[in-house]
Amino acid sequence: MGYVTAMAPCFGCGRLFSFNPVHVPSIIVNGQREPVCRSCVTRANAMREHNGMPLIVPLDDAYDACDESEI
């Protein structure tokens, strides 16, 4: 059994970051999940709070490696 960390550019800012491919916050674009980094979630939450919308709450392991059996 091993651990997996995915790396990809953030859909919001384009910065390369690592994440848990199962639990990372994402946005659906053309039918495909696109990952969103912690910084962009923080920025989005500031706007969401200002507009009275619910905040995005990433899971605790969203930006960590995951057990390969989860994939």
C-alpha atoms as a PDB file:
ATOM      1  CA  MET A   1       0.000   0.000   0.000  1.00  0.00           C
ATOM      2  CA  GLY A   2       1.343   3.447  -0.900  1.00  0.00           C
ATOM      3  CA  TYR A   3       0.429   7.066  -0.864  1.00  0.00           C
ATOM      4  CA  VAL A   4      -0.463   9.288  -3.792  1.00  0.00           C
ATOM      5  CA  THR A   5      -0.097  13.035  -4.194  1.00  0.00           C
ATOM      6  CA  ALA A   6      -1.399  14.623  -7.363  1.00  0.00           C
ATOM      7  CA  MET A   7       0.132  17.769  -8.856  1.00  0.00           C
ATOM      8  CA  ALA A   8      -1.594  20.088 -11.296  1.00  0.00           C
ATOM      9  CA  PRO A   9      -2.095  23.777 -11.958  1.00  0.00           C
ATOM     10  CA  CYS A  10      -4.843  25.480  -9.967  1.00  0.00           C
ATOM     11  CA  PHE A  11      -7.855  26.326 -12.107  1.00  0.00           C
ATOM     12  CA  GLY A  12      -8.086  29.745 -10.453  1.00  0.00           C
ATOM     13  CA  CYS A  13      -4.511  31.055 -10.514  1.00  0.00           C
ATOM     14  CA  GLY A  14      -2.578  28.551 -12.608  1.00  0.00           C
ATOM     15  CA  ARG A  15      -0.001  27.883  -9.863  1.00  0.00           C
ATOM     16  CA  LEU A  16       1.247  24.277  -9.688  1.00  0.00           C
ATOM     17  CA  PHE A  17       0.317  22.650  -6.363  1.00  0.00           C
ATOM     18  CA  SER A  18       0.014  19.200  -4.787  1.00  0.00           C
ATOM     19  CA  PHE A  19      -3.229  17.767  -3.459  1.00  0.00           C
ATOM     20  CA  ASN A  20      -5.284  14.728  -2.547  1.00  0.00           C
ATOM     21  CA  PRO A  21      -7.015  13.899  -5.847  1.00  0.00           C
ATOM     22  CA  VAL A  22     -10.102  12.593  -4.045  1.00  0.00           C
ATOM     23  CA  HIS A  23     -10.688  15.421  -1.538  1.00  0.00           C
ATOM     24  CA  VAL A  24      -9.356  18.615  -3.142  1.00  0.00           C
ATOM     25  CA  PRO A  25     -11.934  21.365  -3.787  1.00  0.00           C
ATOM     26  CA  SER A  26     -12.622  21.550  -7.499  1.00  0.00           C
ATOM     27  CA  ILE A  27     -14.745  23.120 -10.166  1.00  0.00           C
ATOM     28  CA  ILE A  28     -16.353  21.243 -13.062  1.00  0.00           C
ATOM     29  CA  VAL A  29     -15.217  22.565 -16.455  1.00  0.00           C
ATOM     30  CA  ASN A  30     -16.407  20.840 -19.627  1.00  0.00           C
ATOM     31  CA  GLY A  31     -17.407  17.816 -17.553  1.00  0.00           C
ATOM     32  CA  GLN A  32     -13.996  17.463 -15.873  1.00  0.00           C
ATOM     33  CA  ARG A  33     -12.994  18.248 -12.284  1.00  0.00           C
ATOM     34  CA  GLU A  34     -10.356  20.975 -12.121  1.00  0.00           C
ATOM     35  CA  PRO A  35      -8.515  21.394  -8.772  1.00  0.00           C
ATOM     36  CA  VAL A  36      -8.466  24.677  -6.826  1.00  0.00           C
ATOM     37  CA  CYS A  37      -5.562  25.607  -4.518  1.00  0.00           C
ATOM     38  CA  ARG A  38      -5.870  26.695  -0.893  1.00  0.00           C
ATOM     39  CA  SER A  39      -5.078  30.357  -1.733  1.00  0.00           C
ATOM     40  CA  CYS A  40      -7.864  30.551  -4.316  1.00  0.00           C
ATOM     41  CA  VAL A  41     -10.322  28.919  -1.903  1.00  0.00           C
ATOM     42  CA  THR A  42      -9.383  31.567   0.677  1.00  0.00           C
ATOM     43  CA  ARG A  43      -9.953  34.369  -1.851  1.00  0.00           C
ATOM     44  CA  ALA A  44     -13.233  32.843  -3.008  1.00  0.00           C
ATOM     45  CA  ASN A  45     -14.415  32.476   0.588  1.00  0.00           C
ATOM     46  CA  ALA A  46     -13.844  36.179   1.242  1.00  0.00           C
ATOM     47  CA  MET A  47     -16.144  37.004  -1.682  1.00  0.00           C
ATOM     48  CA  ARG A  48     -18.649  34.323  -0.692  1.00  0.00           C
ATOM     49  CA  GLU A  49     -18.807  35.649   2.880  1.00  0.00           C
ATOM     50  CA  HIS A  50     -19.303  39.209   1.604  1.00  0.00           C
ATOM     51  CA  ASN A  51     -22.185  37.980  -0.586  1.00  0.00           C
ATOM     52  CA  GLY A  52     -23.796  35.915   2.198  1.00  0.00           C
ATOM     53  CA  MET A  53     -23.003  32.591   0.525  1.00  0.00           C
ATOM     54  CA  PRO A  54     -21.849  29.447   2.362  1.00  0.00           C
ATOM     55  CA  LEU A  55     -18.090  29.077   2.640  1.00  0.00           C
ATOM     56  CA  ILE A  56     -16.085  26.374   0.900  1.00  0.00           C
ATOM     57  CA  VAL A  57     -14.652  24.170   3.659  1.00  0.00           C
ATOM     58  CA  PRO A  58     -11.893  21.905   2.319  1.00  0.00           C
ATOM     59  CA  LEU A  59     -11.537  18.527   3.984  1.00  0.00           C
ATOM     60  CA  ASP A  60      -8.587  18.256   6.394  1.00  0.00           C
ATOM     61  CA  ASP A  61      -6.547  16.143   3.971  1.00  0.00           C
ATOM     62  CA  ALA A  62      -7.429  18.037   0.773  1.00  0.00           C
ATOM     63  CA  TYR A  63      -3.845  19.196   0.265  1.00  0.00           C
ATOM     64  CA  ASP A  64      -2.053  16.078   1.608  1.00  0.00           C
ATOM     65  CA  ALA A  65      -1.147  12.720   0.102  1.00  0.00           C
ATOM     66  CA  CYS A  66      -3.830  10.036   0.160  1.00  0.00           C
ATOM     67  CA  ASP A  67      -3.786   6.275   0.512  1.00  0.00           C
ATOM     68  CA  GLU A  68      -3.761   4.764  -2.969  1.00  0.00           C
ATOM     69  CA  SER A  69      -6.716   2.527  -2.038  1.00  0.00           C
ATOM     70  CA  GLU A  70      -8.923   5.675  -1.924  1.00  0.00           C
ATOM     71  CA  ILE A  71      -8.485   6.315  -5.647  1.00  0.00           C
END
